[in-house]
C-alpha atoms as a PDB file:
ATOM      1  CA  UNK A   1       8.860 -20.876  53.138  1.00  0.00           C
ATOM      2  CA  UNK A   2       9.046 -21.491  57.141  1.00  0.00           C
ATOM      3  CA  UNK A   3      12.423 -22.698  58.088  1.00  0.00           C
ATOM      4  CA  UNK A   4      11.391 -22.230  61.782  1.00  0.00           C
ATOM      5  CA  UNK A   5       9.639 -25.305  61.911  1.00  0.00           C
ATOM      6  CA  UNK A   6      11.932 -27.779  60.318  1.00  0.00           C
ATOM      7  CA  UNK A   7      13.697 -30.496  63.070  1.00  0.00           C
ATOM      8  CA  UNK A   8      17.517 -30.478  63.327  1.00  0.00           C
ATOM      9  CA  UNK A   9      19.021 -31.341  60.039  1.00  0.00           C
ATOM     10  CA  UNK A  10      21.372 -33.522  61.757  1.00  0.00           C
ATOM     11  CA  UNK A  11      18.657 -36.075  62.601  1.00  0.00           C
ATOM     12  CA  UNK A  12      19.907 -39.891  62.030  1.00  0.00           C
ATOM     13  CA  UNK A  13      19.630 -40.991  58.287  1.00  0.00           C
ATOM     14  CA  UNK A  14      19.285 -44.583  60.070  1.00  0.00           C
ATOM     15  CA  UNK A  15      15.401 -44.726  59.716  1.00  0.00           C
ATOM     16  CA  UNK A  16      13.361 -48.016  60.714  1.00  0.00           C
ATOM     17  CA  UNK A  17      10.110 -46.683  59.858  1.00  0.00           C
ATOM     18  CA  UNK A  18       8.257 -45.116  57.677  1.00  0.00           C
ATOM     19  CA  UNK A  19       4.954 -43.347  57.721  1.00  0.00           C
ATOM     20  CA  UNK A  20       2.855 -42.518  54.456  1.00  0.00           C
ATOM     21  CA  UNK A  21      -0.157 -40.690  53.602  1.00  0.00           C
ATOM     22  CA  UNK A  22      -2.859 -42.649  50.996  1.00  0.00           C
ATOM     23  CA  UNK A  23      -4.716 -39.783  49.230  1.00  0.00           C
ATOM     24  CA  UNK A  24      -2.563 -38.273  46.487  1.00  0.00           C
ATOM     25  CA  UNK A  25       0.230 -39.820  47.917  1.00  0.00           C
ATOM     26  CA  UNK A  26       0.133 -43.311  47.321  1.00  0.00           C
ATOM     27  CA  UNK A  27      -3.737 -43.129  45.231  1.00  0.00           C
ATOM     28  CA  UNK A  28      -5.682 -41.106  43.215  1.00  0.00           C
ATOM     29  CA  UNK A  29      -8.998 -41.243  41.759  1.00  0.00           C
ATOM     30  CA  UNK A  30      -9.482 -41.304  38.010  1.00  0.00           C
ATOM     31  CA  UNK A  31     -11.231 -37.851  38.220  1.00  0.00           C
ATOM     32  CA  UNK A  32      -9.285 -35.263  40.187  1.00  0.00           C
ATOM     33  CA  UNK A  33     -10.327 -33.479  42.816  1.00  0.00           C
ATOM     34  CA  UNK A  34     -10.239 -30.553  40.191  1.00  0.00           C
ATOM     35  CA  UNK A  35     -12.436 -32.177  37.825  1.00  0.00           C
ATOM     36  CA  UNK A  36     -15.399 -33.285  40.543  1.00  0.00           C
ATOM     37  CA  UNK A  37     -15.046 -29.623  42.520  1.00  0.00           C
ATOM     38  CA  UNK A  38     -15.435 -27.361  38.725  1.00  0.00           C
ATOM     39  CA  UNK A  39     -18.283 -30.239  38.288  1.00  0.00           C
ATOM     40  CA  UNK A  40     -20.264 -29.451  41.600  1.00  0.00           C
ATOM     41  CA  UNK A  41     -19.917 -25.703  40.885  1.00  0.00           C
ATOM     42  CA  UNK A  42     -21.628 -26.180  37.510  1.00  0.00           C
ATOM     43  CA  UNK A  43     -24.614 -28.307  39.312  1.00  0.00           C
ATOM     44  CA  UNK A  44     -25.020 -25.872  41.669  1.00  0.00           C
ATOM     45  CA  UNK A  45     -24.961 -23.048  39.391  1.00  0.00           C
ATOM     46  CA  UNK A  46     -22.554 -21.447  41.202  1.00  0.00           C
ATOM     47  CA  UNK A  47     -19.538 -19.195  39.956  1.00  0.00           C
ATOM     48  CA  UNK A  48     -16.337 -20.538  41.000  1.00  0.00           C
ATOM     49  CA  UNK A  49     -14.577 -18.983  43.750  1.00  0.00           C
ATOM     50  CA  UNK A  50     -12.271 -21.295  44.957  1.00  0.00           C
ATOM     51  CA  UNK A  51      -9.783 -24.145  43.482  1.00  0.00           C
ATOM     52  CA  UNK A  52      -8.296 -26.886  44.448  1.00  0.00           C
ATOM     53  CA  UNK A  53      -5.618 -25.457  46.975  1.00  0.00           C
ATOM     54  CA  UNK A  54      -8.049 -23.544  48.662  1.00  0.00           C
ATOM     55  CA  UNK A  55     -10.004 -27.009  49.610  1.00  0.00           C
ATOM     56  CA  UNK A  56      -6.376 -29.076  50.497  1.00  0.00           C
ATOM     57  CA  UNK A  57      -5.880 -25.928  52.802  1.00  0.00           C
ATOM     58  CA  UNK A  58      -9.142 -25.868  55.088  1.00  0.00           C
ATOM     59  CA  UNK A  59      -9.584 -29.692  54.718  1.00  0.00           C
ATOM     60  CA  UNK A  60      -6.090 -29.630  57.286  1.00  0.00           C
ATOM     61  CA  UNK A  61      -8.289 -27.548  59.738  1.00  0.00           C
ATOM     62  CA  UNK A  62     -11.222 -28.502  59.660  1.00  0.00           C
ATOM     63  CA  UNK A  63     -13.007 -32.102  61.472  1.00  0.00           C
ATOM     64  CA  UNK A  64     -16.261 -33.778  60.867  1.00  0.00           C
ATOM     65  CA  UNK A  65     -18.280 -36.512  61.383  1.00  0.00           C
ATOM     66  CA  UNK A  66     -18.989 -36.947  57.955  1.00  0.00           C
ATOM     67  CA  UNK A  67     -17.683 -36.545  54.270  1.00  0.00           C
ATOM     68  CA  UNK A  68     -20.613 -34.131  53.288  1.00  0.00           C
ATOM     69  CA  UNK A  69     -20.400 -32.609  56.931  1.00  0.00           C
ATOM     70  CA  UNK A  70     -16.737 -31.654  56.119  1.00  0.00           C
ATOM     71  CA  UNK A  71     -17.112 -30.265  52.797  1.00  0.00           C
ATOM     72  CA  UNK A  72     -19.654 -27.970  54.080  1.00  0.00           C
ATOM     73  CA  UNK A  73     -17.304 -26.308  57.036  1.00  0.00           C
ATOM     74  CA  UNK A  74     -14.179 -26.241  54.746  1.00  0.00           C
ATOM     75  CA  UNK A  75     -16.246 -24.410  51.816  1.00  0.00           C
ATOM     76  CA  UNK A  76     -18.195 -22.015  54.526  1.00  0.00           C
ATOM     77  CA  UNK A  77     -14.874 -21.522  55.787  1.00  0.00           C
ATOM     78  CA  UNK A  78     -13.378 -20.627  51.996  1.00  0.00           C
ATOM     79  CA  UNK A  79     -17.033 -18.350  51.651  1.00  0.00           C
ATOM     80  CA  UNK A  80     -16.285 -16.379  54.760  1.00  0.00           C
ATOM     81  CA  UNK A  81     -12.720 -15.795  53.867  1.00  0.00           C
ATOM     82  CA  UNK A  82     -13.792 -14.464  50.500  1.00  0.00           C
ATOM     83  CA  UNK A  83     -16.983 -12.599  51.558  1.00  0.00           C
ATOM     84  CA  UNK A  84     -19.315 -14.750  49.725  1.00  0.00           C
ATOM     85  CA  UNK A  85     -22.569 -16.423  50.760  1.00  0.00           C
ATOM     86  CA  UNK A  86     -23.113 -19.389  52.788  1.00  0.00           C
ATOM     87  CA  UNK A  87     -25.555 -20.598  50.945  1.00  0.00           C
ATOM     88  CA  UNK A  88     -23.689 -20.904  47.614  1.00  0.00           C
ATOM     89  CA  UNK A  89     -21.107 -22.535  49.624  1.00  0.00           C
ATOM     90  CA  UNK A  90     -23.395 -25.042  51.098  1.00  0.00           C
ATOM     91  CA  UNK A  91     -24.929 -25.671  47.326  1.00  0.00           C
ATOM     92  CA  UNK A  92     -21.337 -26.432  46.409  1.00  0.00           C
ATOM     93  CA  UNK A  93     -20.796 -28.875  48.908  1.00  0.00           C
ATOM     94  CA  UNK A  94     -23.722 -30.613  48.782  1.00  0.00           C
ATOM     95  CA  UNK A  95     -23.471 -30.915  44.806  1.00  0.00           C
ATOM     96  CA  UNK A  96     -19.651 -32.487  45.049  1.00  0.00           C
ATOM     97  CA  UNK A  97     -19.704 -36.047  43.707  1.00  0.00           C
ATOM     98  CA  UNK A  98     -18.658 -38.471  46.478  1.00  0.00           C
ATOM     99  CA  UNK A  99     -15.944 -40.667  44.680  1.00  0.00           C
ATOM    100  CA  UNK A 100     -16.550 -44.671  45.056  1.00  0.00           C
ATOM    101  CA  UNK A 101     -13.778 -45.239  47.471  1.00  0.00           C
ATOM    102  CA  UNK A 102     -13.045 -48.667  45.659  1.00  0.00           C
ATOM    103  CA  UNK A 103     -12.658 -46.867  42.386  1.00  0.00           C
ATOM    104  CA  UNK A 104      -9.209 -45.850  43.301  1.00  0.00           C
ATOM    105  CA  UNK A 105      -5.735 -46.236  41.555  1.00  0.00           C
ATOM    106  CA  UNK A 106      -2.270 -46.506  42.121  1.00  0.00           C
ATOM    107  CA  UNK A 107       0.144 -43.479  41.906  1.00  0.00           C
ATOM    108  CA  UNK A 108       2.795 -43.433  39.272  1.00  0.00           C
ATOM    109  CA  UNK A 109       5.682 -45.796  41.338  1.00  0.00           C
ATOM    110  CA  UNK A 110       3.555 -45.919  44.287  1.00  0.00           C
ATOM    111  CA  UNK A 111       3.322 -50.120  44.046  1.00  0.00           C
ATOM    112  CA  UNK A 112       6.734 -50.467  43.354  1.00  0.00           C
ATOM    113  CA  UNK A 113       7.867 -47.874  46.238  1.00  0.00           C
ATOM    114  CA  UNK A 114       5.885 -49.870  48.744  1.00  0.00           C
ATOM    115  CA  UNK A 115       7.845 -53.248  47.676  1.00  0.00           C
ATOM    116  CA  UNK A 116      10.949 -51.164  47.668  1.00  0.00           C
ATOM    117  CA  UNK A 117      10.419 -49.837  51.463  1.00  0.00           C
ATOM    118  CA  UNK A 118       8.627 -52.847  53.069  1.00  0.00           C
ATOM    119  CA  UNK A 119      11.968 -54.677  52.437  1.00  0.00           C
ATOM    120  CA  UNK A 120      14.026 -52.638  54.430  1.00  0.00           C
ATOM    121  CA  UNK A 121      11.620 -50.802  56.800  1.00  0.00           C
ATOM    122  CA  UNK A 122       8.277 -50.877  59.364  1.00  0.00           C
ATOM    123  CA  UNK A 123       5.464 -49.394  57.442  1.00  0.00           C
ATOM    124  CA  UNK A 124       2.602 -47.429  59.033  1.00  0.00           C
ATOM    125  CA  UNK A 125      -0.488 -46.031  57.398  1.00  0.00           C
ATOM    126  CA  UNK A 126      -1.455 -41.866  58.656  1.00  0.00           C
ATOM    127  CA  UNK A 127      -4.666 -40.344  57.044  1.00  0.00           C
ATOM    128  CA  UNK A 128      -6.838 -37.948  57.237  1.00  0.00           C
ATOM    129  CA  UNK A 129      -9.628 -40.170  56.069  1.00  0.00           C
ATOM    130  CA  UNK A 130     -12.281 -41.704  58.314  1.00  0.00           C
ATOM    131  CA  UNK A 131     -11.526 -45.520  59.071  1.00  0.00           C
ATOM    132  CA  UNK A 132     -14.313 -47.043  56.753  1.00  0.00           C
ATOM    133  CA  UNK A 133     -13.791 -45.351  53.536  1.00  0.00           C
ATOM    134  CA  UNK A 134      -9.921 -45.568  53.515  1.00  0.00           C
ATOM    135  CA  UNK A 135     -10.175 -49.187  54.839  1.00  0.00           C
ATOM    136  CA  UNK A 136     -12.202 -49.534  51.639  1.00  0.00           C
ATOM    137  CA  UNK A 137      -9.618 -48.149  49.821  1.00  0.00           C
ATOM    138  CA  UNK A 138      -6.920 -50.243  51.092  1.00  0.00           C
ATOM    139  CA  UNK A 139      -8.593 -53.109  50.367  1.00  0.00           C
ATOM    140  CA  UNK A 140      -9.332 -52.297  46.718  1.00  0.00           C
ATOM    141  CA  UNK A 141      -5.578 -51.923  46.498  1.00  0.00           C
ATOM    142  CA  UNK A 142      -4.925 -54.975  47.918  1.00  0.00           C
ATOM    143  CA  UNK A 143      -2.423 -53.024  50.357  1.00  0.00           C
ATOM    144  CA  UNK A 144      -3.474 -53.684  53.768  1.00  0.00           C
ATOM    145  CA  UNK A 145      -0.923 -55.959  55.213  1.00  0.00           C
ATOM    146  CA  UNK A 146       2.081 -53.642  54.007  1.00  0.00           C
ATOM    147  CA  UNK A 147       1.223 -52.048  57.415  1.00  0.00           C
ATOM    148  CA  UNK A 148       2.017 -52.994  60.973  1.00  0.00           C
ATOM    149  CA  UNK A 149      -0.197 -49.779  61.921  1.00  0.00           C
ATOM    150  CA  UNK A 150      -2.721 -47.641  60.450  1.00  0.00           C
ATOM    151  CA  UNK A 151      -4.498 -44.495  61.659  1.00  0.00           C
ATOM    152  CA  UNK A 152      -7.508 -42.753  60.397  1.00  0.00           C
ATOM    153  CA  UNK A 153      -9.067 -39.660  61.819  1.00  0.00           C
ATOM    154  CA  UNK A 154     -12.051 -40.371  63.754  1.00  0.00           C
ATOM    155  CA  UNK A 155     -15.675 -38.543  64.249  1.00  0.00           C
ATOM    156  CA  UNK A 156     -14.848 -35.197  65.853  1.00  0.00           C
ATOM    157  CA  UNK A 157     -11.040 -36.049  66.141  1.00  0.00           C
ATOM    158  CA  UNK A 158      -7.894 -34.286  65.660  1.00  0.00           C
ATOM    159  CA  UNK A 159      -6.554 -34.183  62.007  1.00  0.00           C
ATOM    160  CA  UNK A 160      -3.106 -33.672  60.555  1.00  0.00           C
ATOM    161  CA  UNK A 161      -1.592 -31.197  61.285  1.00  0.00           C
ATOM    162  CA  UNK A 162      -2.404 -31.971  64.553  1.00  0.00           C
ATOM    163  CA  UNK A 163       0.449 -34.301  65.849  1.00  0.00           C
ATOM    164  CA  UNK A 164      -1.959 -36.843  67.682  1.00  0.00           C
ATOM    165  CA  UNK A 165      -1.859 -38.805  64.511  1.00  0.00           C
ATOM    166  CA  UNK A 166       1.940 -39.222  64.432  1.00  0.00           C
ATOM    167  CA  UNK A 167       2.035 -39.720  68.197  1.00  0.00           C
ATOM    168  CA  UNK A 168      -0.592 -42.504  68.260  1.00  0.00           C
ATOM    169  CA  UNK A 169       1.130 -44.221  65.387  1.00  0.00           C
ATOM    170  CA  UNK A 170       4.547 -44.342  66.959  1.00  0.00           C
ATOM    171  CA  UNK A 171       3.192 -45.669  69.661  1.00  0.00           C
ATOM    172  CA  UNK A 172       1.445 -48.437  68.213  1.00  0.00           C
ATOM    173  CA  UNK A 173       4.700 -48.990  66.229  1.00  0.00           C
ATOM    174  CA  UNK A 174       6.718 -48.470  69.791  1.00  0.00           C
ATOM    175  CA  UNK A 175       8.940 -46.628  67.307  1.00  0.00           C
ATOM    176  CA  UNK A 176      11.164 -43.220  67.957  1.00  0.00           C
ATOM    177  CA  UNK A 177      10.026 -40.566  66.644  1.00  0.00           C
ATOM    178  CA  UNK A 178      14.235 -39.901  65.325  1.00  0.00           C
ATOM    179  CA  UNK A 179      14.031 -43.109  63.460  1.00  0.00           C
ATOM    180  CA  UNK A 180      10.604 -42.340  61.387  1.00  0.00           C
ATOM    181  CA  UNK A 181       9.690 -40.533  58.037  1.00  0.00           C
ATOM    182  CA  UNK A 182       7.014 -39.622  57.061  1.00  0.00           C
ATOM    183  CA  UNK A 183       5.847 -39.088  53.295  1.00  0.00           C
ATOM    184  CA  UNK A 184       3.180 -37.195  52.270  1.00  0.00           C
ATOM    185  CA  UNK A 185       1.786 -34.749  49.311  1.00  0.00           C
ATOM    186  CA  UNK A 186       0.498 -31.982  51.567  1.00  0.00           C
ATOM    187  CA  UNK A 187       2.851 -29.298  53.542  1.00  0.00           C
ATOM    188  CA  UNK A 188       0.619 -28.027  55.743  1.00  0.00           C
ATOM    189  CA  UNK A 189      -0.837 -31.590  57.012  1.00  0.00           C
ATOM    190  CA  UNK A 190       1.874 -34.032  56.143  1.00  0.00           C
ATOM    191  CA  UNK A 191       4.988 -31.817  56.662  1.00  0.00           C
ATOM    192  CA  UNK A 192       3.947 -29.638  59.467  1.00  0.00           C
ATOM    193  CA  UNK A 193       2.244 -32.537  61.073  1.00  0.00           C
ATOM    194  CA  UNK A 194       5.639 -34.694  60.996  1.00  0.00           C
ATOM    195  CA  UNK A 195       7.441 -31.863  62.082  1.00  0.00           C
ATOM    196  CA  UNK A 196       5.348 -31.269  65.283  1.00  0.00           C
ATOM    197  CA  UNK A 197       5.977 -34.929  66.172  1.00  0.00           C
ATOM    198  CA  UNK A 198       9.269 -34.550  65.792  1.00  0.00           C
ATOM    199  CA  UNK A 199       9.532 -36.913  62.646  1.00  0.00           C
ATOM    200  CA  UNK A 200      11.455 -36.275  59.594  1.00  0.00           C
ATOM    201  CA  UNK A 201       9.338 -34.981  56.576  1.00  0.00           C
ATOM    202  CA  UNK A 202       9.706 -36.064  52.837  1.00  0.00           C
ATOM    203  CA  UNK A 203       7.062 -33.935  50.608  1.00  0.00           C
ATOM    204  CA  UNK A 204       5.620 -35.461  47.082  1.00  0.00           C
ATOM    205  CA  UNK A 205       5.927 -32.227  45.572  1.00  0.00           C
ATOM    206  CA  UNK A 206       2.692 -30.826  44.063  1.00  0.00           C
ATOM    207  CA  UNK A 207       2.654 -27.820  41.700  1.00  0.00           C
ATOM    208  CA  UNK A 208      -0.132 -26.159  43.094  1.00  0.00           C
ATOM    209  CA  UNK A 209       0.973 -26.058  46.881  1.00  0.00           C
ATOM    210  CA  UNK A 210       2.005 -22.632  48.782  1.00  0.00           C
ATOM    211  CA  UNK A 211       5.391 -23.423  50.321  1.00  0.00           C
ATOM    212  CA  UNK A 212       4.726 -22.385  53.907  1.00  0.00           C
ATOM    213  CA  UNK A 213       6.489 -25.714  55.189  1.00  0.00           C
ATOM    214  CA  UNK A 214      10.203 -26.555  54.388  1.00  0.00           C
ATOM    215  CA  UNK A 215      10.496 -30.376  54.425  1.00  0.00           C
ATOM    216  CA  UNK A 216      13.436 -32.715  54.832  1.00  0.00           C
ATOM    217  CA  UNK A 217      13.294 -33.854  51.360  1.00  0.00           C
ATOM    218  CA  UNK A 218      11.158 -33.353  48.104  1.00  0.00           C
ATOM    219  CA  UNK A 219      10.474 -35.759  45.874  1.00  0.00           C
ATOM    220  CA  UNK A 220       8.859 -35.799  42.582  1.00  0.00           C
ATOM    221  CA  UNK A 221       7.455 -39.154  41.914  1.00  0.00           C
ATOM    222  CA  UNK A 222       6.980 -42.160  44.039  1.00  0.00           C
ATOM    223  CA  UNK A 223       9.233 -43.944  41.966  1.00  0.00           C
ATOM    224  CA  UNK A 224      11.865 -41.815  43.522  1.00  0.00           C
ATOM    225  CA  UNK A 225      11.173 -43.727  47.114  1.00  0.00           C
ATOM    226  CA  UNK A 226      12.982 -47.081  45.527  1.00  0.00           C
ATOM    227  CA  UNK A 227      16.245 -45.226  46.550  1.00  0.00           C
ATOM    228  CA  UNK A 228      14.875 -43.494  49.630  1.00  0.00           C
ATOM    229  CA  UNK A 229      16.620 -39.813  50.032  1.00  0.00           C
ATOM    230  CA  UNK A 230      17.169 -40.400  53.775  1.00  0.00           C
ATOM    231  CA  UNK A 231      19.765 -43.239  52.986  1.00  0.00           C
END
């Protein structure tokens, strides 16, 4: 793990503001990314050459104006990395099924975690998703009112781990970085991005993650936020 990117471990535990990621932190689709990816390879007639972990790794580095373009850039980057044909990557990207944004479900413990956190903290959403898609998910889950600020990825704009998302949200909340914690499922996007902005991190552990950044706190489930680890 990269310990050099972790801010001072003595950062105040007096946390007043909590940022949260959305996808695979608060909510998920009934069909996993891995299932949709396997189906895309099958429909495209392409032998699988990457997995969900590769997809997530590149998602943290790529920007695009649409979901299809984002996948095309991610998948062609992976193909270049692995010496595979660009045409195969594009075929898989176009065969990938876009999930219905209103068909999301809470991760176990996420709904009650929002209630518990909102009782003592100001909450903000910090997501790499686009405004239209993520707003539809918030409406489907009926949780938009939990958040005092929402930061989305704008067309052509930076994505986490770029600290811009965090700086913009801190400004919108009039919050101090040393009194803020960010909860997310991606070491590369959420943990690294929070650290780049001087914000404390809580990682929702993922079994297939590459341990390239060290969070301040690790939780196994959103249930663990009922008693926040920073208290």
